[in-house]
Amino acid sequence: MKIIVSNRSGTPIYEQIKEQIKAAIFIGELQEDDILPSIRQLARDLKVSVITTTRAYSDLEQEGFIVNVQGKGCYVLPRNKELAIENAWHKIEEGLSSAITAARADDIAKEEIIQRLDLLWEVGNE
């Protein structure tokens, strides 16, 4: 797993780390019981504060993605189907929001968007 952070992003670094680890779990790059790099090692690798990586791991643990086993490290928990579905809906809503914004900017009717969505859905099922 490779994590890339940007100081120029408007997203806090701990959030960038957290989202990239979550994405790796959702796509199967990280599997149940995989061990994550230690908080200190990840901070060193990314050249960020230990506080930053601690926050990312803490958030991931609170959200049910990892567990911190004292003295042994952080491990990926079994994938929660409800969390996976929630994540998918979040991505869908972001994409649809972008599409709606673009459509409104060019006065494209809602019905035309729905027709295009139906067409794309059918093409994807072939």
C-alpha atoms as a PDB file:
ATOM      1  CA  MET A   1       0.000   0.000   0.000  1.00  0.00           C
ATOM      2  CA  LYS A   2       1.343   3.371  -1.010  1.00  0.00           C
ATOM      3  CA  ILE A   3       0.072   6.516   0.663  1.00  0.00           C
ATOM      4  CA  ILE A   4       0.613   9.890  -0.962  1.00  0.00           C
ATOM      5  CA  VAL A   5      -0.080  13.099   0.915  1.00  0.00           C
ATOM      6  CA  SER A   6      -0.139  16.647  -0.349  1.00  0.00           C
ATOM      7  CA  ASN A   7       0.500  19.733   1.725  1.00  0.00           C
ATOM      8  CA  ARG A   8      -1.222  21.777  -0.976  1.00  0.00           C
ATOM      9  CA  SER A   9      -4.508  19.914  -0.700  1.00  0.00           C
ATOM     10  CA  GLY A  10      -7.345  21.558   1.155  1.00  0.00           C
ATOM     11  CA  THR A  11      -7.873  18.238   2.928  1.00  0.00           C
ATOM     12  CA  PRO A  12      -6.017  17.730   6.222  1.00  0.00           C
ATOM     13  CA  ILE A  13      -3.146  15.245   6.000  1.00  0.00           C
ATOM     14  CA  TYR A  14      -4.643  12.885   8.593  1.00  0.00           C
ATOM     15  CA  GLU A  15      -7.812  12.776   6.484  1.00  0.00           C
ATOM     16  CA  GLN A  16      -5.795  12.013   3.325  1.00  0.00           C
ATOM     17  CA  ILE A  17      -4.090   9.119   5.123  1.00  0.00           C
ATOM     18  CA  LYS A  18      -7.375   7.813   6.530  1.00  0.00           C
ATOM     19  CA  GLU A  19      -9.184   7.946   3.179  1.00  0.00           C
ATOM     20  CA  GLN A  20      -6.347   6.186   1.345  1.00  0.00           C
ATOM     21  CA  ILE A  21      -6.274   3.368   3.898  1.00  0.00           C
ATOM     22  CA  LYS A  22     -10.061   3.035   3.698  1.00  0.00           C
ATOM     23  CA  ALA A  23      -9.846   2.901  -0.103  1.00  0.00           C
ATOM     24  CA  ALA A  24      -7.177   0.189   0.111  1.00  0.00           C
ATOM     25  CA  ILE A  25      -9.493  -1.829   2.365  1.00  0.00           C
ATOM     26  CA  PHE A  26     -12.508  -1.364   0.078  1.00  0.00           C
ATOM     27  CA  ILE A  27     -10.633  -2.448  -3.059  1.00  0.00           C
ATOM     28  CA  GLY A  28      -9.075  -5.424  -1.284  1.00  0.00           C
ATOM     29  CA  GLU A  29      -5.487  -4.206  -1.316  1.00  0.00           C
ATOM     30  CA  LEU A  30      -5.598  -4.504   2.476  1.00  0.00           C
ATOM     31  CA  GLN A  31      -7.236  -7.662   3.775  1.00  0.00           C
ATOM     32  CA  GLU A  32      -8.581  -8.729   7.144  1.00  0.00           C
ATOM     33  CA  ASP A  33      -5.776  -9.203   9.705  1.00  0.00           C
ATOM     34  CA  ASP A  34      -3.183  -7.347   7.586  1.00  0.00           C
ATOM     35  CA  ILE A  35      -0.919  -5.285   9.816  1.00  0.00           C
ATOM     36  CA  LEU A  36      -0.529  -1.597   9.069  1.00  0.00           C
ATOM     37  CA  PRO A  37       2.781   0.219   9.403  1.00  0.00           C
ATOM     38  CA  SER A  38       3.399   1.438  12.930  1.00  0.00           C
ATOM     39  CA  ILE A  39       2.276   4.967  13.683  1.00  0.00           C
ATOM     40  CA  ARG A  40       5.886   6.096  14.034  1.00  0.00           C
ATOM     41  CA  GLN A  41       7.050   4.305  10.885  1.00  0.00           C
ATOM     42  CA  LEU A  42       4.235   5.770   8.796  1.00  0.00           C
ATOM     43  CA  ALA A  43       4.983   9.249  10.161  1.00  0.00           C
ATOM     44  CA  ARG A  44       8.658   8.790   9.222  1.00  0.00           C
ATOM     45  CA  ASP A  45       7.833   7.457   5.752  1.00  0.00           C
ATOM     46  CA  LEU A  46       5.426  10.306   4.995  1.00  0.00           C
ATOM     47  CA  LYS A  47       7.550  12.929   6.757  1.00  0.00           C
ATOM     48  CA  VAL A  48       4.629  14.035   8.910  1.00  0.00           C
ATOM     49  CA  SER A  49       4.014  14.356  12.625  1.00  0.00           C
ATOM     50  CA  VAL A  50       3.300  11.281  14.745  1.00  0.00           C
ATOM     51  CA  ILE A  51       0.232  13.197  15.938  1.00  0.00           C
ATOM     52  CA  THR A  52      -1.048  13.225  12.353  1.00  0.00           C
ATOM     53  CA  THR A  53      -0.723   9.465  11.869  1.00  0.00           C
ATOM     54  CA  THR A  54      -2.115   8.839  15.344  1.00  0.00           C
ATOM     55  CA  ARG A  55      -5.216  10.857  14.430  1.00  0.00           C
ATOM     56  CA  ALA A  56      -5.682   8.936  11.168  1.00  0.00           C
ATOM     57  CA  TYR A  57      -5.381   5.553  12.905  1.00  0.00           C
ATOM     58  CA  SER A  58      -7.609   6.661  15.770  1.00  0.00           C
ATOM     59  CA  ASP A  59     -10.328   7.763  13.340  1.00  0.00           C
ATOM     60  CA  LEU A  60     -10.029   4.479  11.420  1.00  0.00           C
ATOM     61  CA  GLU A  61     -10.398   2.550  14.657  1.00  0.00           C
ATOM     62  CA  GLN A  62     -13.442   4.572  15.724  1.00  0.00           C
ATOM     63  CA  GLU A  63     -15.025   3.975  12.319  1.00  0.00           C
ATOM     64  CA  GLY A  64     -14.489   0.208  12.617  1.00  0.00           C
ATOM     65  CA  PHE A  65     -11.831  -0.313   9.954  1.00  0.00           C
ATOM     66  CA  ILE A  66      -8.856  -1.246  12.144  1.00  0.00           C
ATOM     67  CA  VAL A  67      -8.059  -2.366  15.668  1.00  0.00           C
ATOM     68  CA  ASN A  68      -5.030  -1.313  17.698  1.00  0.00           C
ATOM     69  CA  VAL A  69      -3.622  -4.262  19.646  1.00  0.00           C
ATOM     70  CA  GLN A  70      -1.486  -2.782  22.398  1.00  0.00           C
ATOM     71  CA  GLY A  71       2.166  -3.653  21.863  1.00  0.00           C
ATOM     72  CA  LYS A  72       1.514  -5.481  18.567  1.00  0.00           C
ATOM     73  CA  GLY A  73       0.226  -2.854  16.142  1.00  0.00           C
ATOM     74  CA  CYS A  74      -2.834  -1.973  14.118  1.00  0.00           C
ATOM     75  CA  TYR A  75      -4.662  -4.642  12.152  1.00  0.00           C
ATOM     76  CA  VAL A  76      -7.367  -4.473   9.502  1.00  0.00           C
ATOM     77  CA  LEU A  77     -10.737  -5.658  10.782  1.00  0.00           C
ATOM     78  CA  PRO A  78     -13.102  -7.828   8.718  1.00  0.00           C
ATOM     79  CA  ARG A  79     -14.790  -5.790   6.037  1.00  0.00           C
ATOM     80  CA  ASN A  80     -18.148  -4.508   7.189  1.00  0.00           C
ATOM     81  CA  LYS A  81     -20.704  -4.835   4.377  1.00  0.00           C
ATOM     82  CA  GLU A  82     -22.742  -1.892   5.677  1.00  0.00           C
ATOM     83  CA  LEU A  83     -19.655   0.341   5.670  1.00  0.00           C
ATOM     84  CA  ALA A  84     -18.828  -0.763   2.128  1.00  0.00           C
ATOM     85  CA  ILE A  85     -22.338   0.117   0.944  1.00  0.00           C
ATOM     86  CA  GLU A  86     -22.205   3.468   2.744  1.00  0.00           C
ATOM     87  CA  ASN A  87     -18.872   4.212   1.078  1.00  0.00           C
ATOM     88  CA  ALA A  88     -20.292   3.311  -2.340  1.00  0.00           C
ATOM     89  CA  TRP A  89     -23.268   5.635  -1.789  1.00  0.00           C
ATOM     90  CA  HIS A  90     -20.918   8.422  -0.759  1.00  0.00           C
ATOM     91  CA  LYS A  91     -18.933   8.064  -4.008  1.00  0.00           C
ATOM     92  CA  ILE A  92     -22.127   7.863  -6.081  1.00  0.00           C
ATOM     93  CA  GLU A  93     -23.533  11.005  -4.457  1.00  0.00           C
ATOM     94  CA  GLU A  94     -20.281  12.909  -5.066  1.00  0.00           C
ATOM     95  CA  GLY A  95     -20.315  11.919  -8.737  1.00  0.00           C
ATOM     96  CA  LEU A  96     -23.980  12.771  -9.175  1.00  0.00           C
ATOM     97  CA  SER A  97     -23.507  16.126  -7.456  1.00  0.00           C
ATOM     98  CA  SER A  98     -20.726  16.971  -9.907  1.00  0.00           C
ATOM     99  CA  ALA A  99     -22.902  15.887 -12.829  1.00  0.00           C
ATOM    100  CA  ILE A 100     -25.824  17.993 -11.598  1.00  0.00           C
ATOM    101  CA  THR A 101     -23.598  21.043 -11.159  1.00  0.00           C
ATOM    102  CA  ALA A 102     -22.241  20.630 -14.709  1.00  0.00           C
ATOM    103  CA  ALA A 103     -25.726  20.100 -16.145  1.00  0.00           C
ATOM    104  CA  ARG A 104     -27.129  23.190 -14.421  1.00  0.00           C
ATOM    105  CA  ALA A 105     -24.199  25.292 -15.641  1.00  0.00           C
ATOM    106  CA  ASP A 106     -25.120  24.428 -19.237  1.00  0.00           C
ATOM    107  CA  ASP A 107     -28.916  24.354 -18.803  1.00  0.00           C
ATOM    108  CA  ILE A 108     -29.243  20.613 -19.405  1.00  0.00           C
ATOM    109  CA  ALA A 109     -32.634  19.341 -18.279  1.00  0.00           C
ATOM    110  CA  LYS A 110     -33.053  16.807 -15.476  1.00  0.00           C
ATOM    111  CA  GLU A 111     -34.896  14.474 -17.870  1.00  0.00           C
ATOM    112  CA  GLU A 112     -31.911  14.479 -20.247  1.00  0.00           C
ATOM    113  CA  ILE A 113     -29.603  13.551 -17.363  1.00  0.00           C
ATOM    114  CA  ILE A 114     -31.900  10.697 -16.358  1.00  0.00           C
ATOM    115  CA  GLN A 115     -32.028   9.436 -19.968  1.00  0.00           C
ATOM    116  CA  ARG A 116     -28.236   9.526 -20.174  1.00  0.00           C
ATOM    117  CA  LEU A 117     -27.946   7.709 -16.844  1.00  0.00           C
ATOM    118  CA  ASP A 118     -30.338   5.004 -18.094  1.00  0.00           C
ATOM    119  CA  LEU A 119     -28.287   4.634 -21.276  1.00  0.00           C
ATOM    120  CA  LEU A 120     -25.003   4.381 -19.372  1.00  0.00           C
ATOM    121  CA  TRP A 121     -26.558   1.848 -16.994  1.00  0.00           C
ATOM    122  CA  GLU A 122     -27.655  -0.358 -19.913  1.00  0.00           C
ATOM    123  CA  VAL A 123     -24.270  -0.120 -21.653  1.00  0.00           C
ATOM    124  CA  GLY A 124     -22.595  -1.141 -18.396  1.00  0.00           C
ATOM    125  CA  ASN A 125     -24.746  -4.287 -18.190  1.00  0.00           C
ATOM    126  CA  GLU A 126     -23.735  -5.622 -21.610  1.00  0.00           C
END
